[in-house]
Every structure is written in structure tokens, then in C-alpha cells.
Amino acid sequence: MTDKKSLRKQFSALRKTLKNEVSDSAITARLLSLNEIASADTVLLYASFGSEINTWELAEKLIWLGKITAFPRCGENGSMTFHCVSELSQLRNGTAGKYGICEPYAELHEPPLAAQTVCIVPGLAFTPDGGRLGYGGGYYDRFLAGFPKICRIALAYEGMLTNELPLMSHDLKVDIIVTEERTVLCK
């Protein structure tokens, strides 16, 4: 099997060819139809950039639905915290955040995290059993390790699913994968 660095490059290039607004809208609609989202009190959401599935439309809809919606801030030593936003203007321009990703302002409060919290987890590729190839920083693995009861959902183009990934024991799996074609229940 190929190493993670090579796979990241391969899946990043592939995702660029799969990126399109119609698929992004289909993924958003499918995600919003899930019971896990309907019953969630808080949704932790990443700020999409580049060829990632667009999460901006999703964020607007979650806020409109009255869901507590929070975005991550990457801190020192690989730490990550989430901060609540009630409108997208509460996110700093991507040039100010770590890695060039939009982040919420630090003074915004952190959300309550409970069994009804859902985390939308970014990634480059996924296996049907929930394995995830992230970007290599380990932020989500470290954060989610402290909250094992949070439902973890990945958004992915169908072409980003693969049968195998080189996973380590610290690589946390997702519970559900939503693509433009289907919803994969991983457990």
C-alpha cells in the first residue's frame, strides 16, 4: 500500500477533478436529511477551502435552522477549539488563520459539547468502514479523542471512497460518510 503522503497528493488531485457545485448541493441536502443532524443541538463544522466540499451553504442553513454552529481555531501544539458563530461574518479572512483557512474570532464562546453534538470532519479519502485520510496535522484526531460520544460525519465525493487506507491506531474513524450518491453508515 502507498504511504500517506503519496495518497494525500493523489486524492487531492483527484478531488480537484470531482469538484462541482451540483455534487456539493446534493451532499448538503443529503446531510441535512439525516436524523443525526435533525436531532443535533450543536454542529461543529469546518470552513471549506480549495477543492473541499463547500460547507458555506451548509453553515447558512444550519444557522437558519437554529442549530448552534461552531467552527475550529487551530492553536499551538496541535490543539483545536471550536467557537460559535451566528453569522458567517464572524469568521476571519483565511489569510489571518492558520493554514490560510477562515477561523472564528477567538473571543466567540465555545459551544457546549454533549451526546447531541455532531462534528463534520474534513478529509481527503475514506473507507466504507469509516477510515479517514486527513491532511496530516492530527487536529481532528486529537480533538475527537477527548469526545468519544460525538457523532462524526464526513462529506466526500463518491470518488473519494476507497477500500483501503494506511491507518494508525490513533487515526479516529467517522460514523457516517455522506456523498452525492449515498449515505454510508460505517458502524
Protein backbone atom coordinates (compact mmCIF):
# COMPACT_ATOMS: atom_id res chain seq x y z
CA MET A 1 0.00 0.00 0.00
CA THR A 2 1.16 3.54 -0.74
CA ASP A 3 2.29 5.81 2.10
CA LYS A 4 0.01 8.57 3.45
CA LYS A 5 1.99 11.43 1.89
CA SER A 6 1.67 9.96 -1.60
CA LEU A 7 -2.01 9.16 -1.04
CA ARG A 8 -2.69 12.73 0.10
CA LYS A 9 -1.20 14.06 -3.12
CA GLN A 10 -3.11 11.51 -5.23
CA PHE A 11 -6.51 12.11 -3.57
CA SER A 12 -6.03 15.88 -3.52
CA ALA A 13 -5.50 15.85 -7.30
CA LEU A 14 -8.47 13.52 -7.78
CA ARG A 15 -10.75 15.69 -5.66
CA LYS A 16 -9.98 18.71 -7.84
CA THR A 17 -11.35 16.80 -10.84
CA LEU A 18 -14.51 15.77 -8.94
CA LYS A 19 -15.33 19.21 -7.51
CA ASN A 20 -18.63 20.69 -8.71
CA GLU A 21 -21.46 22.75 -7.25
CA VAL A 22 -24.19 20.24 -8.15
CA SER A 23 -22.48 17.48 -6.16
CA ASP A 24 -21.83 19.86 -3.25
CA SER A 25 -25.52 20.83 -3.13
CA ALA A 26 -26.57 17.16 -3.29
CA ILE A 27 -24.23 16.32 -0.39
CA THR A 28 -25.58 19.24 1.65
CA ALA A 29 -29.19 18.17 1.02
CA ARG A 30 -28.44 14.54 1.91
CA LEU A 31 -26.64 15.60 5.11
CA LEU A 32 -29.49 17.87 6.20
CA SER A 33 -31.94 14.98 5.80
CA LEU A 34 -30.10 12.83 8.38
CA ASN A 35 -31.72 12.19 11.77
CA GLU A 36 -28.35 12.91 13.38
CA ILE A 37 -28.50 16.48 12.08
CA ALA A 38 -32.20 16.93 12.86
CA SER A 39 -31.64 15.90 16.48
CA ALA A 40 -28.30 17.71 16.91
CA ASP A 41 -28.16 20.68 19.22
CA THR A 42 -24.64 21.66 18.11
CA VAL A 43 -22.86 21.11 14.79
CA LEU A 44 -19.08 21.50 14.61
CA LEU A 45 -18.26 22.41 11.03
CA TYR A 46 -15.02 23.02 9.14
CA ALA A 47 -14.56 26.09 6.94
CA SER A 48 -14.10 24.66 3.46
CA PHE A 49 -11.35 25.89 1.16
CA GLY A 50 -9.86 24.84 -2.16
CA SER A 51 -11.46 21.73 -3.61
CA GLU A 52 -13.17 20.69 -0.36
CA ILE A 53 -16.91 20.18 -0.42
CA ASN A 54 -18.47 23.60 0.09
CA THR A 55 -19.61 23.98 3.70
CA TRP A 56 -20.70 27.63 3.44
CA GLU A 57 -24.22 26.86 2.18
CA LEU A 58 -24.49 24.19 4.87
CA ALA A 59 -23.40 26.65 7.58
CA GLU A 60 -26.02 29.18 6.50
CA LYS A 61 -28.74 26.54 6.57
CA LEU A 62 -27.68 25.24 10.00
CA ILE A 63 -27.71 28.75 11.43
CA TRP A 64 -31.12 29.41 9.85
CA LEU A 65 -32.41 26.15 11.41
CA GLY A 66 -31.31 27.45 14.82
CA LYS A 67 -28.52 24.91 15.31
CA ILE A 68 -25.55 26.03 17.38
CA THR A 69 -22.91 26.18 14.65
CA ALA A 70 -19.22 26.31 15.51
CA PHE A 71 -16.01 26.46 13.50
CA PRO A 72 -12.47 25.45 14.57
CA ARG A 73 -9.46 27.51 15.54
CA CYS A 74 -6.09 25.76 15.35
CA GLY A 75 -3.89 26.57 18.32
CA GLU A 76 -0.38 25.91 19.47
CA ASN A 77 0.93 22.36 19.92
CA GLY A 78 -1.72 20.88 17.63
CA SER A 79 -4.67 21.94 19.76
CA MET A 80 -8.03 22.89 18.28
CA THR A 81 -11.05 24.64 19.78
CA PHE A 82 -14.45 25.38 18.29
CA HIS A 83 -16.21 28.73 18.55
CA CYS A 84 -19.88 29.53 17.90
CA VAL A 85 -20.96 31.79 15.07
CA SER A 86 -24.42 33.20 14.45
CA GLU A 87 -23.43 34.59 11.05
CA LEU A 88 -20.60 33.89 8.66
CA SER A 89 -19.17 37.39 9.04
CA GLN A 90 -17.89 36.19 12.44
CA LEU A 91 -15.17 34.23 10.61
CA ARG A 92 -11.82 35.89 9.98
CA ASN A 93 -10.48 36.01 6.46
CA GLY A 94 -8.44 32.90 5.62
CA THR A 95 -5.21 34.87 5.37
CA ALA A 96 -5.42 35.52 9.12
CA GLY A 97 -5.98 31.90 10.20
CA LYS A 98 -3.52 29.07 10.43
CA TYR A 99 -3.01 27.28 7.08
CA GLY A 100 -4.93 30.07 5.30
CA ILE A 101 -8.30 28.71 6.48
CA CYS A 102 -11.06 31.03 7.73
CA GLU A 103 -11.39 30.88 11.52
CA PRO A 104 -13.87 32.29 14.03
CA TYR A 105 -12.71 35.18 16.18
CA ALA A 106 -11.09 33.98 19.43
CA GLU A 107 -13.48 35.94 21.65
CA LEU A 108 -16.52 33.98 20.42
CA HIS A 109 -17.65 31.45 23.02
CA GLU A 110 -17.05 27.72 22.77
CA PRO A 111 -20.14 25.54 22.34
CA PRO A 112 -21.41 23.01 24.86
CA LEU A 113 -20.36 19.53 23.73
CA ALA A 114 -22.75 16.69 24.53
CA ALA A 115 -24.16 13.48 23.11
CA GLN A 116 -26.31 15.53 20.70
CA THR A 117 -23.25 17.20 19.15
CA VAL A 118 -22.28 16.34 15.57
CA CYS A 119 -18.84 17.01 14.12
CA ILE A 120 -18.46 17.35 10.35
CA VAL A 121 -14.93 16.05 9.79
CA PRO A 122 -12.78 17.03 6.78
CA GLY A 123 -10.63 14.56 4.91
CA LEU A 124 -9.14 13.56 1.58
CA ALA A 125 -10.29 9.94 1.38
CA PHE A 126 -12.41 7.48 3.36
CA THR A 127 -13.01 3.75 3.61
CA PRO A 128 -16.55 2.33 3.86
CA ASP A 129 -15.87 1.33 7.49
CA GLY A 130 -15.08 4.96 8.42
CA GLY A 131 -11.32 5.09 7.97
CA ARG A 132 -10.13 8.60 7.17
CA LEU A 133 -7.11 10.07 5.43
CA GLY A 134 -6.78 13.61 6.79
CA TYR A 135 -4.30 16.31 5.98
CA GLY A 136 -1.62 15.07 8.38
CA GLY A 137 -1.86 17.60 11.21
CA GLY A 138 -3.82 15.33 13.56
CA TYR A 139 -6.01 18.18 14.84
CA TYR A 140 -9.31 16.34 14.49
CA ASP A 141 -7.89 13.05 15.83
CA ARG A 142 -6.64 14.81 18.97
CA PHE A 143 -9.80 16.87 19.45
CA LEU A 144 -12.26 14.00 18.93
CA ALA A 145 -10.27 11.62 21.15
CA GLY A 146 -11.47 13.76 24.06
CA PHE A 147 -15.13 13.49 22.99
CA PRO A 148 -15.82 9.87 22.01
CA LYS A 149 -19.63 10.23 22.06
CA ILE A 150 -19.77 12.97 19.43
CA CYS A 151 -21.21 11.72 16.12
CA ARG A 152 -18.57 12.09 13.39
CA ILE A 153 -19.78 12.69 9.85
CA ALA A 154 -17.59 13.06 6.75
CA LEU A 155 -18.57 14.76 3.50
CA ALA A 156 -16.95 13.22 0.43
CA TYR A 157 -17.36 12.82 -3.30
CA GLU A 158 -18.15 9.23 -4.22
CA GLY A 159 -14.75 9.00 -5.94
CA MET A 160 -13.02 9.72 -2.61
CA LEU A 161 -14.09 6.37 -1.17
CA THR A 162 -11.50 3.62 -1.31
CA ASN A 163 -11.32 0.10 0.08
CA GLU A 164 -8.03 0.60 1.94
CA LEU A 165 -6.07 3.32 3.67
CA PRO A 166 -2.89 3.02 5.79
CA LEU A 167 -4.44 3.81 9.18
CA MET A 168 -2.65 4.05 12.51
CA SER A 169 -4.13 3.24 15.92
CA HIS A 170 -4.57 6.97 16.69
CA ASP A 171 -6.49 7.62 13.44
CA LEU A 172 -10.12 8.00 14.52
CA LYS A 173 -12.87 6.74 12.26
CA VAL A 174 -16.03 8.54 11.23
CA ASP A 175 -19.51 7.15 11.91
CA ILE A 176 -21.19 8.26 8.67
CA ILE A 177 -19.98 9.29 5.22
CA VAL A 178 -22.26 11.40 3.03
CA THR A 179 -21.59 11.51 -0.71
CA GLU A 180 -23.56 12.91 -3.61
CA GLU A 181 -24.89 9.38 -4.28
CA ARG A 182 -25.42 7.77 -0.88
CA THR A 183 -25.09 7.78 2.88
CA VAL A 184 -22.65 5.19 4.27
CA LEU A 185 -23.28 4.04 7.84
CA CYS A 186 -19.82 2.97 8.95
CA LYS A 187 -20.57 1.07 12.16
